[in-house]
Amino acid sequence: MIEAFLLICIHWIADFVCQNKKLATSKWNSFDKLTDHTVIYSVVLGLLVFIVPVLQFKNISALFLFISLNLILHTIIDYFTSKIVHKKFENKQYGAFRVIGFDQVLHYGCLFFTYSIC
């Protein structure tokens, strides 16, 4: 249970704290900005899971696999959800927050699954 909590906290730091407004608001229409976002996310994720002693990986290859899989999965998820969120905010629809919430659930699922196999 503590591992899940730590992964969620690390995800929050990597996905929100270490991102700027420009990346957050432009990743929906710029693959370069989306890539910048997910590379920053993955670097921070990798550094934090490496230094948190509770999180254990079988070996260094497993750690790199975990980071790589989350880079790919995070990019795919944000590619779609950022476009939907932007459109809903543009149309002043409350449903944008539901999409953001679902986006986070997908990210958590990816983190838990990839951590369990690595």
PDB file of N, CA and C in Angstrom:
ATOM      1  N   MET A   1       0.815  -1.199   0.000  1.00  0.00           N
ATOM      2  CA  MET A   1       0.000   0.000   0.000  1.00  0.00           C
ATOM      3  C   MET A   1       0.860   1.264   0.000  1.00  0.00           C
ATOM      4  N   ILE A   2       1.962   1.221   0.748  1.00  0.00           N
ATOM      5  CA  ILE A   2       2.837   2.386   0.801  1.00  0.00           C
ATOM      6  C   ILE A   2       3.461   2.643  -0.572  1.00  0.00           C
ATOM      7  N   GLU A   3       3.745   1.585  -1.317  1.00  0.00           N
ATOM      8  CA  GLU A   3       4.316   1.749  -2.656  1.00  0.00           C
ATOM      9  C   GLU A   3       3.334   2.477  -3.575  1.00  0.00           C
ATOM     10  N   ALA A   4       2.048   2.112  -3.499  1.00  0.00           N
ATOM     11  CA  ALA A   4       1.031   2.774  -4.319  1.00  0.00           C
ATOM     12  C   ALA A   4       0.944   4.257  -3.966  1.00  0.00           C
ATOM     13  N   PHE A   5       0.942   4.570  -2.672  1.00  0.00           N
ATOM     14  CA  PHE A   5       0.887   5.958  -2.239  1.00  0.00           C
ATOM     15  C   PHE A   5       2.105   6.740  -2.742  1.00  0.00           C
ATOM     16  N   LEU A   6       3.283   6.142  -2.636  1.00  0.00           N
ATOM     17  CA  LEU A   6       4.503   6.804  -3.110  1.00  0.00           C
ATOM     18  C   LEU A   6       4.466   7.031  -4.619  1.00  0.00           C
ATOM     19  N   LEU A   7       3.983   6.052  -5.375  1.00  0.00           N
ATOM     20  CA  LEU A   7       3.871   6.218  -6.827  1.00  0.00           C
ATOM     21  C   LEU A   7       2.913   7.353  -7.180  1.00  0.00           C
ATOM     22  N   ILE A   8       1.806   7.461  -6.450  1.00  0.00           N
ATOM     23  CA  ILE A   8       0.856   8.546  -6.697  1.00  0.00           C
ATOM     24  C   ILE A   8       1.501   9.896  -6.385  1.00  0.00           C
ATOM     25  N   CYS A   9       2.212   9.981  -5.278  1.00  0.00           N
ATOM     26  CA  CYS A   9       2.894  11.246  -4.926  1.00  0.00           C
ATOM     27  C   CYS A   9       3.957  11.607  -5.951  1.00  0.00           C
ATOM     28  N   ILE A  10       4.736  10.633  -6.368  1.00  0.00           N
ATOM     29  CA  ILE A  10       5.767  10.880  -7.383  1.00  0.00           C
ATOM     30  C   ILE A  10       5.130  11.312  -8.695  1.00  0.00           C
ATOM     31  N   HIS A  11       4.038  10.660  -9.054  1.00  0.00           N
ATOM     32  CA  HIS A  11       3.318  11.037 -10.276  1.00  0.00           C
ATOM     33  C   HIS A  11       2.868  12.496 -10.193  1.00  0.00           C
ATOM     34  N   TRP A  12       2.305  12.897  -9.059  1.00  0.00           N
ATOM     35  CA  TRP A  12       1.833  14.272  -8.887  1.00  0.00           C
ATOM     36  C   TRP A  12       2.990  15.258  -9.051  1.00  0.00           C
ATOM     37  N   ILE A  13       4.115  14.963  -8.443  1.00  0.00           N
ATOM     38  CA  ILE A  13       5.281  15.843  -8.568  1.00  0.00           C
ATOM     39  C   ILE A  13       5.727  15.935 -10.025  1.00  0.00           C
ATOM     40  N   ALA A  14       5.842  14.791 -10.682  1.00  0.00           N
ATOM     41  CA  ALA A  14       6.339  14.761 -12.062  1.00  0.00           C
ATOM     42  C   ALA A  14       5.347  15.356 -13.059  1.00  0.00           C
ATOM     43  N   ASP A  15       4.054  15.129 -12.838  1.00  0.00           N
ATOM     44  CA  ASP A  15       3.045  15.542 -13.815  1.00  0.00           C
ATOM     45  C   ASP A  15       2.520  16.953 -13.584  1.00  0.00           C
ATOM     46  N   PHE A  16       2.627  17.470 -12.357  1.00  0.00           N
ATOM     47  CA  PHE A  16       2.070  18.786 -12.063  1.00  0.00           C
ATOM     48  C   PHE A  16       3.108  19.772 -11.531  1.00  0.00           C
ATOM     49  N   VAL A  17       3.805  19.398 -10.484  1.00  0.00           N
ATOM     50  CA  VAL A  17       4.736  20.326  -9.839  1.00  0.00           C
ATOM     51  C   VAL A  17       5.877  20.713 -10.778  1.00  0.00           C
ATOM     52  N   CYS A  18       6.393  19.761 -11.525  1.00  0.00           N
ATOM     53  CA  CYS A  18       7.561  20.008 -12.388  1.00  0.00           C
ATOM     54  C   CYS A  18       7.199  20.428 -13.811  1.00  0.00           C
ATOM     55  N   GLN A  19       5.961  20.806 -14.026  1.00  0.00           N
ATOM     56  CA  GLN A  19       5.521  21.239 -15.348  1.00  0.00           C
ATOM     57  C   GLN A  19       5.137  22.716 -15.291  1.00  0.00           C
ATOM     58  N   ASN A  20       5.348  23.408 -16.390  1.00  0.00           N
ATOM     59  CA  ASN A  20       4.943  24.811 -16.412  1.00  0.00           C
ATOM     60  C   ASN A  20       3.616  24.981 -17.160  1.00  0.00           C
ATOM     61  N   LYS A  21       3.058  26.162 -17.050  1.00  0.00           N
ATOM     62  CA  LYS A  21       1.753  26.444 -17.650  1.00  0.00           C
ATOM     63  C   LYS A  21       1.784  26.293 -19.168  1.00  0.00           C
ATOM     64  N   LYS A  22       2.881  26.717 -19.788  1.00  0.00           N
ATOM     65  CA  LYS A  22       2.987  26.644 -21.251  1.00  0.00           C
ATOM     66  C   LYS A  22       2.856  25.202 -21.751  1.00  0.00           C
ATOM     67  N   LEU A  23       3.548  24.275 -21.088  1.00  0.00           N
ATOM     68  CA  LEU A  23       3.436  22.875 -21.498  1.00  0.00           C
ATOM     69  C   LEU A  23       2.034  22.340 -21.242  1.00  0.00           C
ATOM     70  N   ALA A  24       1.493  22.696 -20.095  1.00  0.00           N
ATOM     71  CA  ALA A  24       0.158  22.195 -19.732  1.00  0.00           C
ATOM     72  C   ALA A  24      -0.921  22.669 -20.697  1.00  0.00           C
ATOM     73  N   THR A  25      -0.771  23.893 -21.200  1.00  0.00           N
ATOM     74  CA  THR A  25      -1.826  24.452 -22.045  1.00  0.00           C
ATOM     75  C   THR A  25      -1.558  24.312 -23.538  1.00  0.00           C
ATOM     76  N   SER A  26      -0.386  23.832 -23.905  1.00  0.00           N
ATOM     77  CA  SER A  26      -0.102  23.724 -25.339  1.00  0.00           C
ATOM     78  C   SER A  26       0.147  22.297 -25.821  1.00  0.00           C
ATOM     79  N   LYS A  27       0.154  21.338 -24.905  1.00  0.00           N
ATOM     80  CA  LYS A  27       0.441  19.963 -25.324  1.00  0.00           C
ATOM     81  C   LYS A  27      -0.679  19.355 -26.170  1.00  0.00           C
ATOM     82  N   TRP A  28      -1.847  19.957 -26.138  1.00  0.00           N
ATOM     83  CA  TRP A  28      -2.971  19.428 -26.908  1.00  0.00           C
ATOM     84  C   TRP A  28      -2.796  19.641 -28.412  1.00  0.00           C
ATOM     85  N   ASN A  29      -2.053  20.682 -28.821  1.00  0.00           N
ATOM     86  CA  ASN A  29      -1.944  20.966 -30.259  1.00  0.00           C
ATOM     87  C   ASN A  29      -0.508  20.978 -30.762  1.00  0.00           C
ATOM     88  N   SER A  30       0.443  20.595 -29.921  1.00  0.00           N
ATOM     89  CA  SER A  30       1.840  20.566 -30.337  1.00  0.00           C
ATOM     90  C   SER A  30       2.476  19.275 -29.842  1.00  0.00           C
ATOM     91  N   PHE A  31       2.832  18.409 -30.785  1.00  0.00           N
ATOM     92  CA  PHE A  31       3.458  17.153 -30.388  1.00  0.00           C
ATOM     93  C   PHE A  31       4.814  17.418 -29.727  1.00  0.00           C
ATOM     94  N   ASP A  32       5.494  18.490 -30.132  1.00  0.00           N
ATOM     95  CA  ASP A  32       6.760  18.858 -29.487  1.00  0.00           C
ATOM     96  C   ASP A  32       6.546  19.194 -28.017  1.00  0.00           C
ATOM     97  N   LYS A  33       5.501  19.970 -27.714  1.00  0.00           N
ATOM     98  CA  LYS A  33       5.202  20.327 -26.318  1.00  0.00           C
ATOM     99  C   LYS A  33       4.760  19.096 -25.526  1.00  0.00           C
ATOM    100  N   LEU A  34       3.982  18.233 -26.159  1.00  0.00           N
ATOM    101  CA  LEU A  34       3.574  16.991 -25.511  1.00  0.00           C
ATOM    102  C   LEU A  34       4.807  16.144 -25.193  1.00  0.00           C
ATOM    103  N   THR A  35       5.720  16.058 -26.139  1.00  0.00           N
ATOM    104  CA  THR A  35       6.951  15.297 -25.923  1.00  0.00           C
ATOM    105  C   THR A  35       7.796  15.926 -24.820  1.00  0.00           C
ATOM    106  N   ASP A  36       7.907  17.257 -24.829  1.00  0.00           N
ATOM    107  CA  ASP A  36       8.631  17.940 -23.749  1.00  0.00           C
ATOM    108  C   ASP A  36       8.019  17.579 -22.393  1.00  0.00           C
ATOM    109  N   HIS A  37       6.693  17.630 -22.332  1.00  0.00           N
ATOM    110  CA  HIS A  37       5.983  17.312 -21.094  1.00  0.00           C
ATOM    111  C   HIS A  37       6.297  15.885 -20.641  1.00  0.00           C
ATOM    112  N   THR A  38       6.199  14.923 -21.541  1.00  0.00           N
ATOM    113  CA  THR A  38       6.362  13.532 -21.133  1.00  0.00           C
ATOM    114  C   THR A  38       7.827  13.170 -20.870  1.00  0.00           C
ATOM    115  N   VAL A  39       8.750  13.849 -21.521  1.00  0.00           N
ATOM    116  CA  VAL A  39      10.167  13.613 -21.214  1.00  0.00           C
ATOM    117  C   VAL A  39      10.492  14.156 -19.827  1.00  0.00           C
ATOM    118  N   ILE A  40      10.031  15.374 -19.528  1.00  0.00           N
ATOM    119  CA  ILE A  40      10.237  15.931 -18.177  1.00  0.00           C
ATOM    120  C   ILE A  40       9.594  15.011 -17.144  1.00  0.00           C
ATOM    121  N   TYR A  41       8.376  14.593 -17.413  1.00  0.00           N
ATOM    122  CA  TYR A  41       7.665  13.681 -16.521  1.00  0.00           C
ATOM    123  C   TYR A  41       8.499  12.423 -16.263  1.00  0.00           C
ATOM    124  N   SER A  42       9.015  11.826 -17.328  1.00  0.00           N
ATOM    125  CA  SER A  42       9.733  10.560 -17.216  1.00  0.00           C
ATOM    126  C   SER A  42      11.071  10.705 -16.498  1.00  0.00           C
ATOM    127  N   VAL A  43      11.761  11.814 -16.739  1.00  0.00           N
ATOM    128  CA  VAL A  43      13.035  12.059 -16.047  1.00  0.00           C
ATOM    129  C   VAL A  43      12.792  12.214 -14.541  1.00  0.00           C
ATOM    130  N   VAL A  44      11.803  13.018 -14.180  1.00  0.00           N
ATOM    131  CA  VAL A  44      11.485  13.223 -12.766  1.00  0.00           C
ATOM    132  C   VAL A  44      11.004  11.911 -12.143  1.00  0.00           C
ATOM    133  N   LEU A  45      10.132  11.204 -12.839  1.00  0.00           N
ATOM    134  CA  LEU A  45       9.652   9.905 -12.364  1.00  0.00           C
ATOM    135  C   LEU A  45      10.832   8.975 -12.113  1.00  0.00           C
ATOM    136  N   GLY A  46      11.722   8.879 -13.085  1.00  0.00           N
ATOM    137  CA  GLY A  46      12.879   7.991 -12.954  1.00  0.00           C
ATOM    138  C   GLY A  46      13.773   8.360 -11.788  1.00  0.00           C
ATOM    139  N   LEU A  47      14.064   9.646 -11.649  1.00  0.00           N
ATOM    140  CA  LEU A  47      14.924  10.093 -10.546  1.00  0.00           C
ATOM    141  C   LEU A  47      14.291   9.791  -9.186  1.00  0.00           C
ATOM    142  N   LEU A  48      13.007  10.097  -9.067  1.00  0.00           N
ATOM    143  CA  LEU A  48      12.345   9.920  -7.774  1.00  0.00           C
ATOM    144  C   LEU A  48      12.161   8.448  -7.409  1.00  0.00           C
ATOM    145  N   VAL A  49      11.784   7.610  -8.364  1.00  0.00           N
ATOM    146  CA  VAL A  49      11.630   6.188  -8.010  1.00  0.00           C
ATOM    147  C   VAL A  49      12.995   5.566  -7.716  1.00  0.00           C
ATOM    148  N   PHE A  50      14.040   6.096  -8.316  1.00  0.00           N
ATOM    149  CA  PHE A  50      15.389   5.584  -8.056  1.00  0.00           C
ATOM    150  C   PHE A  50      15.855   5.923  -6.643  1.00  0.00           C
ATOM    151  N   ILE A  51      15.515   7.122  -6.159  1.00  0.00           N
ATOM    152  CA  ILE A  51      16.031   7.537  -4.849  1.00  0.00           C
ATOM    153  C   ILE A  51      15.129   7.173  -3.678  1.00  0.00           C
ATOM    154  N   VAL A  52      13.892   6.781  -3.935  1.00  0.00           N
ATOM    155  CA  VAL A  52      12.994   6.384  -2.842  1.00  0.00           C
ATOM    156  C   VAL A  52      13.298   4.932  -2.490  1.00  0.00           C
ATOM    157  N   PRO A  53      13.836   4.685  -1.282  1.00  0.00           N
ATOM    158  CA  PRO A  53      14.309   3.342  -0.940  1.00  0.00           C
ATOM    159  C   PRO A  53      13.207   2.281  -0.835  1.00  0.00           C
ATOM    160  N   VAL A  54      11.975   2.694  -0.615  1.00  0.00           N
ATOM    161  CA  VAL A  54      10.877   1.727  -0.491  1.00  0.00           C
ATOM    162  C   VAL A  54      10.558   1.083  -1.845  1.00  0.00           C
ATOM    163  N   LEU A  55      10.741   1.838  -2.922  1.00  0.00           N
ATOM    164  CA  LEU A  55      10.426   1.325  -4.254  1.00  0.00           C
ATOM    165  C   LEU A  55      11.604   0.487  -4.753  1.00  0.00           C
ATOM    166  N   GLN A  56      11.325  -0.756  -5.025  1.00  0.00           N
ATOM    167  CA  GLN A  56      12.368  -1.714  -5.402  1.00  0.00           C
ATOM    168  C   GLN A  56      12.141  -2.226  -6.817  1.00  0.00           C
ATOM    169  N   PHE A  57      13.223  -2.333  -7.566  1.00  0.00           N
ATOM    170  CA  PHE A  57      13.178  -2.913  -8.905  1.00  0.00           C
ATOM    171  C   PHE A  57      14.122  -4.107  -8.946  1.00  0.00           C
ATOM    172  N   LYS A  58      13.803  -5.074  -9.798  1.00  0.00           N
ATOM    173  CA  LYS A  58      14.595  -6.291  -9.889  1.00  0.00           C
ATOM    174  C   LYS A  58      16.053  -5.992 -10.226  1.00  0.00           C
ATOM    175  N   ASN A  59      16.245  -5.040 -11.131  1.00  0.00           N
ATOM    176  CA  ASN A  59      17.595  -4.629 -11.540  1.00  0.00           C
ATOM    177  C   ASN A  59      17.475  -3.299 -12.283  1.00  0.00           C
ATOM    178  N   ILE A  60      18.595  -2.778 -12.723  1.00  0.00           N
ATOM    179  CA  ILE A  60      18.592  -1.472 -13.400  1.00  0.00           C
ATOM    180  C   ILE A  60      17.827  -1.542 -14.724  1.00  0.00           C
ATOM    181  N   SER A  61      17.865  -2.685 -15.377  1.00  0.00           N
ATOM    182  CA  SER A  61      17.105  -2.851 -16.628  1.00  0.00           C
ATOM    183  C   SER A  61      15.609  -2.736 -16.378  1.00  0.00           C
ATOM    184  N   ALA A  62      15.152  -3.288 -15.267  1.00  0.00           N
ATOM    185  CA  ALA A  62      13.733  -3.200 -14.914  1.00  0.00           C
ATOM    186  C   ALA A  62      13.338  -1.753 -14.651  1.00  0.00           C
ATOM    187  N   LEU A  63      14.226  -0.988 -14.016  1.00  0.00           N
ATOM    188  CA  LEU A  63      13.957   0.432 -13.777  1.00  0.00           C
ATOM    189  C   LEU A  63      13.830   1.178 -15.105  1.00  0.00           C
ATOM    190  N   PHE A  64      14.749   0.930 -16.028  1.00  0.00           N
ATOM    191  CA  PHE A  64      14.682   1.595 -17.330  1.00  0.00           C
ATOM    192  C   PHE A  64      13.455   1.160 -18.129  1.00  0.00           C
ATOM    193  N   LEU A  65      13.057  -0.091 -17.995  1.00  0.00           N
ATOM    194  CA  LEU A  65      11.834  -0.556 -18.651  1.00  0.00           C
ATOM    195  C   LEU A  65      10.625   0.169 -18.067  1.00  0.00           C
ATOM    196  N   PHE A  66      10.580   0.308 -16.740  1.00  0.00           N
ATOM    197  CA  PHE A  66       9.496   1.027 -16.060  1.00  0.00           C
ATOM    198  C   PHE A  66       9.404   2.468 -16.578  1.00  0.00           C
ATOM    199  N   ILE A  67      10.533   3.155 -16.641  1.00  0.00           N
ATOM    200  CA  ILE A  67      10.548   4.541 -17.110  1.00  0.00           C
ATOM    201  C   ILE A  67      10.119   4.619 -18.572  1.00  0.00           C
ATOM    202  N   SER A  68      10.660   3.742 -19.407  1.00  0.00           N
ATOM    203  CA  SER A  68      10.350   3.757 -20.842  1.00  0.00           C
ATOM    204  C   SER A  68       8.875   3.473 -21.110  1.00  0.00           C
ATOM    205  N   LEU A  69       8.343   2.462 -20.440  1.00  0.00           N
ATOM    206  CA  LEU A  69       6.920   2.143 -20.632  1.00  0.00           C
ATOM    207  C   LEU A  69       6.033   3.299 -20.208  1.00  0.00           C
ATOM    208  N   ASN A  70       6.377   3.933 -19.090  1.00  0.00           N
ATOM    209  CA  ASN A  70       5.559   5.059 -18.637  1.00  0.00           C
ATOM    210  C   ASN A  70       5.712   6.276 -19.531  1.00  0.00           C
ATOM    211  N   LEU A  71       6.859   6.470 -20.123  1.00  0.00           N
ATOM    212  CA  LEU A  71       7.031   7.547 -21.115  1.00  0.00           C
ATOM    213  C   LEU A  71       6.077   7.321 -22.289  1.00  0.00           C
ATOM    214  N   ILE A  72       6.074   6.122 -22.809  1.00  0.00           N
ATOM    215  CA  ILE A  72       5.219   5.805 -23.964  1.00  0.00           C
ATOM    216  C   ILE A  72       3.741   5.897 -23.593  1.00  0.00           C
ATOM    217  N   LEU A  73       3.355   5.259 -22.496  1.00  0.00           N
ATOM    218  CA  LEU A  73       1.950   5.247 -22.095  1.00  0.00           C
ATOM    219  C   LEU A  73       1.450   6.641 -21.720  1.00  0.00           C
ATOM    220  N   HIS A  74       2.283   7.412 -21.037  1.00  0.00           N
ATOM    221  CA  HIS A  74       1.884   8.773 -20.657  1.00  0.00           C
ATOM    222  C   HIS A  74       1.669   9.634 -21.906  1.00  0.00           C
ATOM    223  N   THR A  75       2.525   9.468 -22.887  1.00  0.00           N
ATOM    224  CA  THR A  75       2.398  10.220 -24.135  1.00  0.00           C
ATOM    225  C   THR A  75       1.100   9.861 -24.851  1.00  0.00           C
ATOM    226  N   ILE A  76       0.811   8.584 -24.941  1.00  0.00           N
ATOM    227  CA  ILE A  76      -0.416   8.135 -25.625  1.00  0.00           C
ATOM    228  C   ILE A  76      -1.655   8.676 -24.902  1.00  0.00           C
ATOM    229  N   ILE A  77      -1.695   8.518 -23.597  1.00  0.00           N
ATOM    230  CA  ILE A  77      -2.854   8.984 -22.816  1.00  0.00           C
ATOM    231  C   ILE A  77      -3.039  10.491 -22.975  1.00  0.00           C
ATOM    232  N   ASP A  78      -1.961  11.252 -22.768  1.00  0.00           N
ATOM    233  CA  ASP A  78      -2.074  12.714 -22.843  1.00  0.00           C
ATOM    234  C   ASP A  78      -2.354  13.206 -24.256  1.00  0.00           C
ATOM    235  N   TYR A  79      -1.929  12.462 -25.254  1.00  0.00           N
ATOM    236  CA  TYR A  79      -2.220  12.848 -26.636  1.00  0.00           C
ATOM    237  C   TYR A  79      -3.733  12.985 -26.831  1.00  0.00           C
ATOM    238  N   PHE A  80      -4.461  12.023 -26.308  1.00  0.00           N
ATOM    239  CA  PHE A  80      -5.914  12.040 -26.478  1.00  0.00           C
ATOM    240  C   PHE A  80      -6.618  12.915 -25.441  1.00  0.00           C
ATOM    241  N   THR A  81      -6.268  12.741 -24.173  1.00  0.00           N
ATOM    242  CA  THR A  81      -7.008  13.451 -23.132  1.00  0.00           C
ATOM    243  C   THR A  81      -6.779  14.961 -23.172  1.00  0.00           C
ATOM    244  N   SER A  82      -5.591  15.399 -23.556  1.00  0.00           N
ATOM    245  CA  SER A  82      -5.346  16.847 -23.605  1.00  0.00           C
ATOM    246  C   SER A  82      -6.202  17.511 -24.680  1.00  0.00           C
ATOM    247  N   LYS A  83      -6.431  16.818 -25.787  1.00  0.00           N
ATOM    248  CA  LYS A  83      -7.291  17.355 -26.852  1.00  0.00           C
ATOM    249  C   LYS A  83      -8.745  17.452 -26.378  1.00  0.00           C
ATOM    250  N   ILE A  84      -9.199  16.421 -25.681  1.00  0.00           N
ATOM    251  CA  ILE A  84     -10.576  16.418 -25.180  1.00  0.00           C
ATOM    252  C   ILE A  84     -10.755  17.506 -24.124  1.00  0.00           C
ATOM    253  N   VAL A  85      -9.806  17.608 -23.189  1.00  0.00           N
ATOM    254  CA  VAL A  85      -9.884  18.613 -22.132  1.00  0.00           C
ATOM    255  C   VAL A  85      -9.887  20.015 -22.727  1.00  0.00           C
ATOM    256  N   HIS A  86      -9.000  20.266 -23.685  1.00  0.00           N
ATOM    257  CA  HIS A  86      -8.945  21.593 -24.302  1.00  0.00           C
ATOM    258  C   HIS A  86     -10.287  21.953 -24.933  1.00  0.00           C
ATOM    259  N   LYS A  87     -10.856  21.016 -25.663  1.00  0.00           N
ATOM    260  CA  LYS A  87     -12.139  21.284 -26.333  1.00  0.00           C
ATOM    261  C   LYS A  87     -13.247  21.572 -25.306  1.00  0.00           C
ATOM    262  N   LYS A  88     -13.263  20.821 -24.225  1.00  0.00           N
ATOM    263  CA  LYS A  88     -14.292  21.038 -23.197  1.00  0.00           C
ATOM    264  C   LYS A  88     -14.101  22.380 -22.496  1.00  0.00           C
ATOM    265  N   PHE A  89     -12.862  22.741 -22.180  1.00  0.00           N
ATOM    266  CA  PHE A  89     -12.618  24.060 -21.576  1.00  0.00           C
ATOM    267  C   PHE A  89     -12.976  25.175 -22.547  1.00  0.00           C
ATOM    268  N   GLU A  90     -12.631  24.990 -23.808  1.00  0.00           N
ATOM    269  CA  GLU A  90     -12.942  25.992 -24.833  1.00  0.00           C
ATOM    270  C   GLU A  90     -14.446  26.221 -24.934  1.00  0.00           C
ATOM    271  N   ASN A  91     -15.210  25.144 -24.775  1.00  0.00           N
ATOM    272  CA  ASN A  91     -16.672  25.226 -24.842  1.00  0.00           C
ATOM    273  C   ASN A  91     -17.302  25.479 -23.474  1.00  0.00           C
ATOM    274  N   LYS A  92     -16.450  25.755 -22.472  1.00  0.00           N
ATOM    275  CA  LYS A  92     -16.908  26.037 -21.107  1.00  0.00           C
ATOM    276  C   LYS A  92     -17.793  24.917 -20.551  1.00  0.00           C
ATOM    277  N   GLN A  93     -17.362  23.687 -20.798  1.00  0.00           N
ATOM    278  CA  GLN A  93     -18.088  22.522 -20.311  1.00  0.00           C
ATOM    279  C   GLN A  93     -17.436  21.992 -19.044  1.00  0.00           C
ATOM    280  N   TYR A  94     -18.234  21.699 -18.038  1.00  0.00           N
ATOM    281  CA  TYR A  94     -17.734  21.174 -16.783  1.00  0.00           C
ATOM    282  C   TYR A  94     -17.073  19.806 -16.965  1.00  0.00           C
ATOM    283  N   GLY A  95     -17.456  19.068 -17.975  1.00  0.00           N
ATOM    284  CA  GLY A  95     -16.945  17.727 -18.211  1.00  0.00           C
ATOM    285  C   GLY A  95     -15.439  17.643 -18.354  1.00  0.00           C
ATOM    286  N   ALA A  96     -14.774  18.760 -18.515  1.00  0.00           N
ATOM    287  CA  ALA A  96     -13.315  18.758 -18.620  1.00  0.00           C
ATOM    288  C   ALA A  96     -12.691  18.154 -17.367  1.00  0.00           C
ATOM    289  N   PHE A  97     -13.262  18.438 -16.215  1.00  0.00           N
ATOM    290  CA  PHE A  97     -12.707  17.921 -14.967  1.00  0.00           C
ATOM    291  C   PHE A  97     -12.894  16.412 -14.854  1.00  0.00           C
ATOM    292  N   ARG A  98     -13.957  15.892 -15.420  1.00  0.00           N
ATOM    293  CA  ARG A  98     -14.153  14.438 -15.452  1.00  0.00           C
ATOM    294  C   ARG A  98     -13.067  13.795 -16.299  1.00  0.00           C
ATOM    295  N   VAL A  99     -12.743  14.424 -17.411  1.00  0.00           N
ATOM    296  CA  VAL A  99     -11.699  13.891 -18.296  1.00  0.00           C
ATOM    297  C   VAL A  99     -10.341  13.953 -17.601  1.00  0.00           C
ATOM    298  N   ILE A 100     -10.056  15.054 -16.920  1.00  0.00           N
ATOM    299  CA  ILE A 100      -8.796  15.168 -16.177  1.00  0.00           C
ATOM    300  C   ILE A 100      -8.719  14.073 -15.105  1.00  0.00           C
ATOM    301  N   GLY A 101      -9.806  13.848 -14.419  1.00  0.00           N
ATOM    302  CA  GLY A 101      -9.840  12.785 -13.413  1.00  0.00           C
ATOM    303  C   GLY A 101      -9.602  11.415 -14.025  1.00  0.00           C
ATOM    304  N   PHE A 102     -10.250  11.146 -15.161  1.00  0.00           N
ATOM    305  CA  PHE A 102     -10.073   9.867 -15.845  1.00  0.00           C
ATOM    306  C   PHE A 102      -8.640   9.726 -16.346  1.00  0.00           C
ATOM    307  N   ASP A 103      -8.069  10.815 -16.840  1.00  0.00           N
ATOM    308  CA  ASP A 103      -6.673  10.842 -17.284  1.00  0.00           C
ATOM    309  C   ASP A 103      -5.764  10.393 -16.129  1.00  0.00           C
ATOM    310  N   GLN A 104      -6.013  10.899 -14.945  1.00  0.00           N
ATOM    311  CA  GLN A 104      -5.189  10.537 -13.793  1.00  0.00           C
ATOM    312  C   GLN A 104      -5.377   9.069 -13.414  1.00  0.00           C
ATOM    313  N   VAL A 105      -6.595   8.580 -13.483  1.00  0.00           N
ATOM    314  CA  VAL A 105      -6.849   7.161 -13.195  1.00  0.00           C
ATOM    315  C   VAL A 105      -6.074   6.283 -14.179  1.00  0.00           C
ATOM    316  N   LEU A 106      -6.071   6.660 -15.450  1.00  0.00           N
ATOM    317  CA  LEU A 106      -5.308   5.900 -16.439  1.00  0.00           C
ATOM    318  C   LEU A 106      -3.814   5.925 -16.119  1.00  0.00           C
ATOM    319  N   HIS A 107      -3.293   7.073 -15.745  1.00  0.00           N
ATOM    320  CA  HIS A 107      -1.874   7.169 -15.387  1.00  0.00           C
ATOM    321  C   HIS A 107      -1.555   6.297 -14.171  1.00  0.00           C
ATOM    322  N   TYR A 108      -2.414   6.332 -13.156  1.00  0.00           N
ATOM    323  CA  TYR A 108      -2.176   5.503 -11.967  1.00  0.00           C
ATOM    324  C   TYR A 108      -2.189   4.020 -12.344  1.00  0.00           C
ATOM    325  N   GLY A 109      -3.150   3.635 -13.156  1.00  0.00           N
ATOM    326  CA  GLY A 109      -3.214   2.237 -13.596  1.00  0.00           C
ATOM    327  C   GLY A 109      -1.945   1.816 -14.312  1.00  0.00           C
ATOM    328  N   CYS A 110      -1.443   2.683 -15.172  1.00  0.00           N
ATOM    329  CA  CYS A 110      -0.195   2.391 -15.889  1.00  0.00           C
ATOM    330  C   CYS A 110       0.974   2.268 -14.921  1.00  0.00           C
ATOM    331  N   LEU A 111       1.057   3.198 -13.970  1.00  0.00           N
ATOM    332  CA  LEU A 111       2.142   3.138 -12.986  1.00  0.00           C
ATOM    333  C   LEU A 111       2.081   1.850 -12.166  1.00  0.00           C
ATOM    334  N   PHE A 112       0.907   1.491 -11.674  1.00  0.00           N
ATOM    335  CA  PHE A 112       0.780   0.292 -10.851  1.00  0.00           C
ATOM    336  C   PHE A 112       1.097  -0.968 -11.664  1.00  0.00           C
ATOM    337  N   PHE A 113       0.588  -1.016 -12.898  1.00  0.00           N
ATOM    338  CA  PHE A 113       0.825  -2.199 -13.738  1.00  0.00           C
ATOM    339  C   PHE A 113       2.310  -2.323 -14.077  1.00  0.00           C
ATOM    340  N   THR A 114       2.917  -1.225 -14.548  1.00  0.00           N
ATOM    341  CA  THR A 114       4.332  -1.309 -14.946  1.00  0.00           C
ATOM    342  C   THR A 114       5.228  -1.568 -13.743  1.00  0.00           C
ATOM    343  N   TYR A 115       4.885  -1.011 -12.593  1.00  0.00           N
ATOM    344  CA  TYR A 115       5.679  -1.273 -11.392  1.00  0.00           C
ATOM    345  C   TYR A 115       5.586  -2.748 -11.007  1.00  0.00           C
ATOM    346  N   SER A 116       4.401  -3.311 -11.122  1.00  0.00           N
ATOM    347  CA  SER A 116       4.218  -4.729 -10.736  1.00  0.00           C
ATOM    348  C   SER A 116       4.979  -5.678 -11.647  1.00  0.00           C
ATOM    349  N   ILE A 117       5.172  -5.317 -12.915  1.00  0.00           N
ATOM    350  CA  ILE A 117       5.900  -6.219 -13.815  1.00  0.00           C
ATOM    351  C   ILE A 117       7.403  -5.956 -13.839  1.00  0.00           C
ATOM    352  N   CYS A 118       7.815  -4.811 -13.293  1.00  0.00           N
ATOM    353  CA  CYS A 118       9.243  -4.485 -13.306  1.00  0.00           C
ATOM    354  C   CYS A 118       9.894  -4.745 -11.968  1.00  0.00           C
TER     355      CYS A 118
END
